N, C-alpha and C. Protein backbone atom coordinates (compact mmCIF):
# COMPACT_ATOMS: atom_id res chain seq x y z
N MET A 1 98.55 132.13 96.48
CA MET A 1 97.39 131.29 96.32
C MET A 1 96.71 131.13 97.68
N ARG A 2 95.41 131.12 97.68
CA ARG A 2 94.62 130.99 98.90
C ARG A 2 94.21 129.53 99.08
N PHE A 3 94.33 129.02 100.32
CA PHE A 3 93.92 127.65 100.62
C PHE A 3 92.83 127.66 101.68
N GLY A 4 91.76 126.93 101.42
CA GLY A 4 90.74 126.70 102.43
C GLY A 4 91.02 125.39 103.13
N PRO A 5 90.22 125.03 104.12
CA PRO A 5 90.50 123.84 104.92
C PRO A 5 90.48 122.52 104.16
N ASP A 6 89.80 122.47 103.01
CA ASP A 6 89.68 121.21 102.29
C ASP A 6 90.38 121.18 100.93
N GLU A 7 91.07 122.26 100.59
CA GLU A 7 91.79 122.29 99.32
C GLU A 7 93.11 121.56 99.46
N LYS A 8 93.45 120.80 98.47
CA LYS A 8 94.63 119.92 98.54
C LYS A 8 95.91 120.63 98.12
N MET A 9 96.98 120.22 98.75
CA MET A 9 98.33 120.67 98.41
C MET A 9 99.23 119.44 98.55
N TRP A 10 100.49 119.58 98.18
CA TRP A 10 101.45 118.49 98.29
C TRP A 10 102.35 118.74 99.49
N VAL A 11 102.60 117.68 100.25
CA VAL A 11 103.42 117.76 101.46
C VAL A 11 104.62 116.85 101.29
N VAL A 12 105.79 117.36 101.68
CA VAL A 12 107.02 116.57 101.69
C VAL A 12 107.59 116.65 103.10
N THR A 13 108.00 115.49 103.63
CA THR A 13 108.64 115.44 104.95
C THR A 13 109.98 114.72 104.83
N ASP A 14 110.79 114.82 105.86
CA ASP A 14 112.07 114.11 105.87
C ASP A 14 111.84 112.61 105.94
N PRO A 15 112.65 111.85 105.22
CA PRO A 15 112.53 110.39 105.29
C PRO A 15 113.22 109.80 106.51
N GLY A 16 112.76 108.64 106.89
CA GLY A 16 113.45 107.84 107.90
C GLY A 16 114.20 106.73 107.19
N PRO A 17 114.90 105.89 107.94
CA PRO A 17 115.72 104.84 107.32
C PRO A 17 114.95 103.86 106.43
N HIS A 18 113.67 103.67 106.70
CA HIS A 18 112.88 102.69 105.95
C HIS A 18 111.76 103.34 105.15
N SER A 19 111.82 104.66 104.97
CA SER A 19 110.75 105.38 104.26
C SER A 19 110.71 105.02 102.79
N GLU A 20 109.50 105.03 102.27
CA GLU A 20 109.27 104.92 100.84
C GLU A 20 108.70 106.26 100.38
N MET A 21 108.65 106.48 99.10
CA MET A 21 108.22 107.77 98.58
C MET A 21 106.83 108.16 99.11
N GLY A 22 105.92 107.23 99.19
CA GLY A 22 104.57 107.52 99.68
C GLY A 22 104.54 107.95 101.14
N ASP A 23 105.58 107.64 101.88
CA ASP A 23 105.67 108.07 103.28
C ASP A 23 106.04 109.54 103.41
N ILE A 24 106.79 110.05 102.44
CA ILE A 24 107.31 111.41 102.57
C ILE A 24 106.72 112.40 101.57
N LEU A 25 105.97 111.91 100.59
CA LEU A 25 105.33 112.76 99.59
C LEU A 25 103.87 112.37 99.51
N PHE A 26 102.98 113.29 99.90
CA PHE A 26 101.56 112.96 99.88
C PHE A 26 100.72 114.22 99.70
N GLU A 27 99.53 114.01 99.20
CA GLU A 27 98.59 115.11 99.00
C GLU A 27 97.74 115.23 100.27
N ALA A 28 97.52 116.46 100.71
CA ALA A 28 96.75 116.67 101.94
C ALA A 28 96.10 118.05 101.93
N SER A 29 95.01 118.15 102.66
CA SER A 29 94.36 119.44 102.91
C SER A 29 94.81 119.93 104.28
N LEU A 30 94.41 121.13 104.64
CA LEU A 30 94.73 121.62 105.99
C LEU A 30 94.11 120.72 107.05
N ARG A 31 92.90 120.23 106.78
CA ARG A 31 92.27 119.29 107.73
C ARG A 31 93.10 118.01 107.87
N ASP A 32 93.57 117.51 106.73
CA ASP A 32 94.41 116.30 106.75
C ASP A 32 95.69 116.55 107.53
N LEU A 33 96.30 117.72 107.34
CA LEU A 33 97.54 118.04 108.05
C LEU A 33 97.31 118.12 109.56
N GLU A 34 96.17 118.65 109.95
CA GLU A 34 95.86 118.70 111.38
C GLU A 34 95.87 117.28 111.96
N LEU A 35 95.28 116.34 111.23
CA LEU A 35 95.26 114.94 111.68
C LEU A 35 96.66 114.34 111.68
N GLN A 36 97.47 114.70 110.68
CA GLN A 36 98.85 114.21 110.63
C GLN A 36 99.61 114.65 111.88
N PHE A 37 99.45 115.91 112.26
CA PHE A 37 100.15 116.40 113.45
C PHE A 37 99.61 115.74 114.71
N LYS A 38 98.31 115.51 114.79
CA LYS A 38 97.74 114.80 115.94
C LYS A 38 98.23 113.36 115.99
N GLY A 39 98.52 112.80 114.81
CA GLY A 39 98.98 111.42 114.72
C GLY A 39 100.48 111.24 114.90
N GLY A 40 101.21 112.33 115.08
CA GLY A 40 102.63 112.18 115.36
C GLY A 40 103.58 112.96 114.47
N LEU A 41 103.11 113.55 113.38
CA LEU A 41 103.99 114.38 112.57
C LEU A 41 104.45 115.57 113.41
N THR A 42 105.73 115.87 113.35
CA THR A 42 106.27 117.01 114.09
C THR A 42 107.06 117.90 113.16
N MET A 43 107.38 119.07 113.63
CA MET A 43 108.19 120.01 112.85
C MET A 43 109.61 119.47 112.65
N ASP A 44 110.04 118.52 113.48
CA ASP A 44 111.35 117.90 113.31
C ASP A 44 111.47 117.17 111.98
N LYS A 45 110.35 116.82 111.37
CA LYS A 45 110.34 116.16 110.05
C LYS A 45 110.36 117.17 108.92
N HIS A 46 110.44 118.46 109.25
CA HIS A 46 110.52 119.56 108.28
C HIS A 46 109.46 119.47 107.18
N PRO A 47 108.18 119.42 107.56
CA PRO A 47 107.14 119.37 106.52
C PRO A 47 107.17 120.64 105.68
N THR A 48 107.08 120.45 104.37
CA THR A 48 107.11 121.56 103.43
C THR A 48 105.92 121.40 102.49
N LEU A 49 105.24 122.50 102.20
CA LEU A 49 104.03 122.47 101.38
C LEU A 49 104.31 122.98 99.98
N PHE A 50 103.69 122.35 98.99
CA PHE A 50 103.85 122.71 97.59
C PHE A 50 102.49 122.74 96.91
N THR A 51 102.35 123.64 95.95
CA THR A 51 101.14 123.66 95.14
C THR A 51 101.28 122.77 93.91
N GLU A 52 102.50 122.53 93.48
CA GLU A 52 102.75 121.73 92.29
C GLU A 52 103.37 120.38 92.65
N LYS A 53 102.78 119.31 92.15
CA LYS A 53 103.29 117.97 92.45
C LYS A 53 104.72 117.78 91.94
N ALA A 54 105.02 118.32 90.76
CA ALA A 54 106.36 118.14 90.19
C ALA A 54 107.43 118.73 91.11
N GLU A 55 107.18 119.90 91.66
CA GLU A 55 108.14 120.52 92.58
C GLU A 55 108.28 119.69 93.86
N ALA A 56 107.16 119.20 94.36
CA ALA A 56 107.19 118.38 95.57
C ALA A 56 107.98 117.09 95.33
N LYS A 57 107.82 116.51 94.15
CA LYS A 57 108.52 115.27 93.81
C LYS A 57 110.03 115.48 93.78
N VAL A 58 110.48 116.58 93.19
CA VAL A 58 111.90 116.90 93.15
C VAL A 58 112.44 117.02 94.57
N GLU A 59 111.72 117.72 95.43
CA GLU A 59 112.13 117.88 96.83
C GLU A 59 112.20 116.53 97.54
N ALA A 60 111.18 115.71 97.35
CA ALA A 60 111.14 114.40 98.01
C ALA A 60 112.30 113.52 97.55
N TYR A 61 112.56 113.47 96.25
CA TYR A 61 113.67 112.68 95.75
C TYR A 61 115.00 113.19 96.30
N GLY A 62 115.14 114.51 96.35
CA GLY A 62 116.36 115.09 96.91
C GLY A 62 116.58 114.69 98.36
N ARG A 63 115.51 114.68 99.14
CA ARG A 63 115.63 114.28 100.55
C ARG A 63 115.97 112.81 100.68
N MET A 64 115.39 111.98 99.81
CA MET A 64 115.70 110.55 99.86
C MET A 64 117.17 110.31 99.49
N VAL A 65 117.65 110.99 98.47
CA VAL A 65 119.04 110.83 98.05
C VAL A 65 119.98 111.28 99.16
N ALA A 66 119.69 112.41 99.77
CA ALA A 66 120.53 112.92 100.86
C ALA A 66 120.57 111.94 102.03
N MET A 67 119.43 111.37 102.38
CA MET A 67 119.37 110.40 103.48
C MET A 67 120.17 109.14 103.13
N ARG A 68 120.02 108.66 101.91
CA ARG A 68 120.74 107.45 101.51
C ARG A 68 122.25 107.70 101.40
N ALA A 69 122.62 108.87 100.93
CA ALA A 69 124.05 109.21 100.85
C ALA A 69 124.63 109.28 102.26
N SER A 70 123.91 109.88 103.17
CA SER A 70 124.35 109.98 104.56
C SER A 70 124.54 108.59 105.17
N ARG A 71 123.60 107.71 104.90
CA ARG A 71 123.71 106.33 105.41
C ARG A 71 124.92 105.62 104.83
N ALA A 72 125.17 105.81 103.53
CA ALA A 72 126.32 105.16 102.88
C ALA A 72 127.62 105.68 103.46
N ILE A 73 127.70 106.98 103.70
CA ILE A 73 128.90 107.56 104.29
C ILE A 73 129.11 107.04 105.71
N ALA A 74 128.04 106.98 106.49
CA ALA A 74 128.14 106.47 107.86
C ALA A 74 128.58 105.01 107.87
N GLN A 75 128.07 104.23 106.92
CA GLN A 75 128.45 102.82 106.84
C GLN A 75 129.94 102.68 106.51
N ARG A 76 130.44 103.49 105.58
CA ARG A 76 131.88 103.46 105.24
C ARG A 76 132.70 103.79 106.49
N ALA A 77 132.28 104.80 107.22
CA ALA A 77 133.01 105.20 108.42
C ALA A 77 133.00 104.08 109.45
N ALA A 78 131.85 103.42 109.61
CA ALA A 78 131.73 102.34 110.58
C ALA A 78 132.61 101.15 110.20
N GLU A 79 132.82 100.96 108.91
CA GLU A 79 133.67 99.86 108.43
C GLU A 79 135.15 100.25 108.42
N GLY A 80 135.45 101.48 108.83
CA GLY A 80 136.83 101.94 108.88
C GLY A 80 137.40 102.30 107.52
N LYS A 81 136.56 102.48 106.53
CA LYS A 81 137.03 102.84 105.18
C LYS A 81 137.25 104.35 105.12
N PRO A 82 138.22 104.78 104.34
CA PRO A 82 138.49 106.23 104.25
C PRO A 82 137.33 106.99 103.63
N LEU A 83 137.11 108.20 104.13
CA LEU A 83 136.05 109.05 103.61
C LEU A 83 136.58 110.12 102.67
N GLU A 84 137.91 110.27 102.62
CA GLU A 84 138.49 111.28 101.76
C GLU A 84 138.42 110.86 100.31
N GLY A 85 138.53 111.84 99.44
CA GLY A 85 138.55 111.55 98.01
C GLY A 85 137.16 111.44 97.43
N SER A 86 137.11 111.05 96.18
CA SER A 86 135.85 110.94 95.45
C SER A 86 135.23 109.56 95.68
N HIS A 87 133.94 109.55 95.87
CA HIS A 87 133.20 108.30 96.04
C HIS A 87 131.98 108.33 95.15
N ARG A 88 131.66 107.21 94.59
CA ARG A 88 130.49 107.09 93.72
C ARG A 88 129.31 106.59 94.55
N LEU A 89 128.19 107.28 94.39
CA LEU A 89 126.95 106.88 95.05
C LEU A 89 125.99 106.40 93.97
N GLU A 90 125.48 105.21 94.12
CA GLU A 90 124.47 104.68 93.21
C GLU A 90 123.27 104.24 94.02
N ILE A 91 122.10 104.59 93.54
CA ILE A 91 120.86 104.12 94.15
C ILE A 91 120.23 103.19 93.13
N LEU A 92 119.99 101.96 93.57
CA LEU A 92 119.48 100.91 92.69
C LEU A 92 118.05 100.56 93.05
N ASP A 93 117.28 100.12 92.07
CA ASP A 93 115.96 99.60 92.39
C ASP A 93 116.10 98.15 92.82
N GLY A 94 115.01 97.48 93.09
CA GLY A 94 115.04 96.10 93.56
C GLY A 94 115.65 95.12 92.58
N ASN A 95 115.72 95.50 91.31
CA ASN A 95 116.29 94.63 90.27
C ASN A 95 117.74 94.98 89.94
N GLY A 96 118.32 95.92 90.68
CA GLY A 96 119.70 96.30 90.44
C GLY A 96 119.87 97.38 89.38
N LYS A 97 118.77 97.92 88.86
CA LYS A 97 118.85 99.00 87.85
C LYS A 97 119.22 100.30 88.56
N VAL A 98 120.17 101.04 88.00
CA VAL A 98 120.61 102.31 88.59
C VAL A 98 119.51 103.35 88.41
N LEU A 99 119.02 103.89 89.53
CA LEU A 99 118.02 104.95 89.50
C LEU A 99 118.67 106.33 89.61
N PHE A 100 119.79 106.38 90.31
CA PHE A 100 120.51 107.64 90.52
C PHE A 100 121.96 107.32 90.75
N GLU A 101 122.84 108.17 90.19
CA GLU A 101 124.27 108.00 90.44
C GLU A 101 124.91 109.37 90.54
N ALA A 102 125.90 109.47 91.41
CA ALA A 102 126.60 110.73 91.59
C ALA A 102 127.98 110.48 92.17
N GLU A 103 128.89 111.38 91.89
CA GLU A 103 130.21 111.37 92.51
C GLU A 103 130.13 112.30 93.72
N LEU A 104 130.53 111.80 94.87
CA LEU A 104 130.50 112.61 96.09
C LEU A 104 131.86 113.19 96.35
């Protein structure tokens, strides 16, 4: 697919500790991306471009889950809890509803 300077695509970047979905998944043109890089976006955030929003959303959710799992593992280690064996990871919304669950 050919992209001109103003045609929109979907961008996914790595999340930070306090990122929300809108921080790491957004629609942008090449012009918009140029401004993002001037404003501080770097290749260290692994920006990835998508033509389909659904594919970008899957990538963004995957990155958020990986970041949250990493934080949970680091917290267990900091508390001196064992990391061996199976561990359950649950991601809850603000009301305590399970949004994602997995055995690690």
